[in-house]
Amino acid sequence: MKRNAFTMKLKPGFESEYKKRHDEIWPELSELLSGSGIHEYSIFLDEETLILFAFQKLEEGFDAAKIPNHPIVKKWWAYMADIMETNPDNSPVEKPLNEVFFMS
């Protein structure tokens, strides 16, 4: 599996709401992500900067291009757009991170 990490940014004052929405993640979204090859998906929050750090493991052959076009993903992005920095299509502004160290 490939490891993938990226950052996103939360809007001020929405720390609790962000956690609440993810605690109540829609089952159909969770099924879509895992069915698409995303596993061990974690998101961490730096409360000082409001930067969200995401980590996930991706199956070999994972096709990232399929996820953004799925109606459930588009609905989730619209649902989250009021509490985080987003692009014009409501997708979260993501900054990919390069792995510089790994210890197994």
Protein backbone atom coordinates (compact mmCIF):
# COMPACT_ATOMS: atom_id res chain seq x y z
CA MET A 1 0.00 0.00 0.00
CA LYS A 2 1.04 3.57 -0.66
CA ARG A 3 1.03 6.11 2.18
CA ASN A 4 -0.53 9.48 1.38
CA ALA A 5 -0.48 12.66 3.46
CA PHE A 6 -1.81 16.16 2.93
CA THR A 7 -2.96 19.24 4.80
CA MET A 8 -6.20 21.20 4.76
CA LYS A 9 -7.29 24.28 6.75
CA LEU A 10 -10.19 24.76 9.12
CA LYS A 11 -11.95 28.11 9.54
CA PRO A 12 -11.64 29.66 13.01
CA GLY A 13 -14.23 28.60 15.57
CA PHE A 14 -15.25 25.35 13.89
CA GLU A 15 -12.99 22.87 15.66
CA SER A 16 -15.82 21.14 17.56
CA GLU A 17 -18.15 21.16 14.56
CA TYR A 18 -15.51 19.59 12.33
CA LYS A 19 -14.99 16.77 14.82
CA LYS A 20 -18.76 16.32 15.27
CA ARG A 21 -19.35 16.01 11.54
CA HIS A 22 -16.60 13.42 11.22
CA ASP A 23 -17.81 11.52 14.29
CA GLU A 24 -21.11 11.25 12.41
CA ILE A 25 -19.60 10.51 8.96
CA TRP A 26 -22.19 9.20 6.56
CA PRO A 27 -21.99 5.41 6.20
CA GLU A 28 -22.27 5.68 2.42
CA LEU A 29 -19.26 8.01 2.30
CA SER A 30 -17.21 5.72 4.53
CA GLU A 31 -18.15 2.73 2.34
CA LEU A 32 -17.25 4.64 -0.83
CA LEU A 33 -13.82 5.62 0.49
CA SER A 34 -12.90 2.15 1.72
CA GLY A 35 -14.39 0.55 -1.39
CA SER A 36 -12.26 2.86 -3.54
CA GLY A 37 -9.08 1.69 -1.83
CA ILE A 38 -8.58 4.20 1.00
CA HIS A 39 -7.66 2.64 4.34
CA GLU A 40 -6.44 3.83 7.74
CA TYR A 41 -7.62 7.38 7.04
CA SER A 42 -6.78 9.70 9.93
CA ILE A 43 -7.10 13.47 10.27
CA PHE A 44 -5.27 15.42 12.99
CA LEU A 45 -5.86 19.06 13.98
CA ASP A 46 -3.21 21.56 15.02
CA GLU A 47 -5.38 23.77 17.24
CA GLU A 48 -2.97 26.72 17.08
CA THR A 49 -2.85 27.00 13.27
CA LEU A 50 -6.14 25.20 12.43
CA ILE A 51 -4.21 23.08 9.95
CA LEU A 52 -5.63 19.63 9.42
CA PHE A 53 -3.10 16.89 8.71
CA ALA A 54 -4.54 13.88 6.87
CA PHE A 55 -2.92 10.48 6.48
CA GLN A 56 -4.24 7.50 4.57
CA LYS A 57 -3.09 4.25 3.06
CA LEU A 58 -4.03 3.68 -0.58
CA GLU A 59 -4.33 0.31 -2.29
CA GLU A 60 -2.17 -0.38 -5.33
CA GLY A 61 -4.03 0.87 -8.38
CA PHE A 62 -6.02 3.46 -6.40
CA ASP A 63 -7.49 5.98 -8.84
CA ALA A 64 -7.77 9.38 -7.16
CA ALA A 65 -9.55 10.82 -10.21
CA LYS A 66 -12.72 8.80 -9.50
CA ILE A 67 -13.40 10.16 -6.01
CA PRO A 68 -14.06 13.87 -6.77
CA ASN A 69 -16.73 13.09 -9.36
CA HIS A 70 -18.84 10.88 -7.12
CA PRO A 71 -22.17 12.47 -6.01
CA ILE A 72 -21.66 11.46 -2.35
CA VAL A 73 -18.27 13.19 -2.27
CA LYS A 74 -19.70 16.33 -3.89
CA LYS A 75 -22.51 16.35 -1.30
CA TRP A 76 -19.98 15.95 1.57
CA TRP A 77 -17.83 18.77 0.22
CA ALA A 78 -20.86 21.07 0.07
CA TYR A 79 -21.73 20.06 3.64
CA MET A 80 -18.20 20.89 4.84
CA ALA A 81 -17.65 24.07 2.79
CA ASP A 82 -18.88 26.42 5.50
CA ILE A 83 -16.25 25.34 8.03
CA MET A 84 -13.05 24.88 6.03
CA GLU A 85 -11.08 26.49 3.22
CA THR A 86 -12.37 25.25 -0.12
CA ASN A 87 -11.88 25.57 -3.85
CA PRO A 88 -14.67 26.97 -6.08
CA ASP A 89 -16.09 23.43 -6.51
CA ASN A 90 -16.30 23.05 -2.66
CA SER A 91 -13.41 20.56 -2.59
CA PRO A 92 -11.09 21.22 0.34
CA VAL A 93 -7.94 23.16 -0.41
CA GLU A 94 -5.32 20.42 -0.05
CA LYS A 95 -1.56 20.68 0.07
CA PRO A 96 0.14 17.36 -0.70
CA LEU A 97 3.06 16.43 1.51
CA ASN A 98 6.17 14.57 0.41
CA GLU A 99 7.36 11.76 2.62
CA VAL A 100 10.88 12.43 3.87
CA PHE A 101 11.17 9.69 6.51
CA PHE A 102 9.54 6.33 7.23
CA MET A 103 10.29 3.76 9.90
CA SER A 104 8.47 0.43 9.93
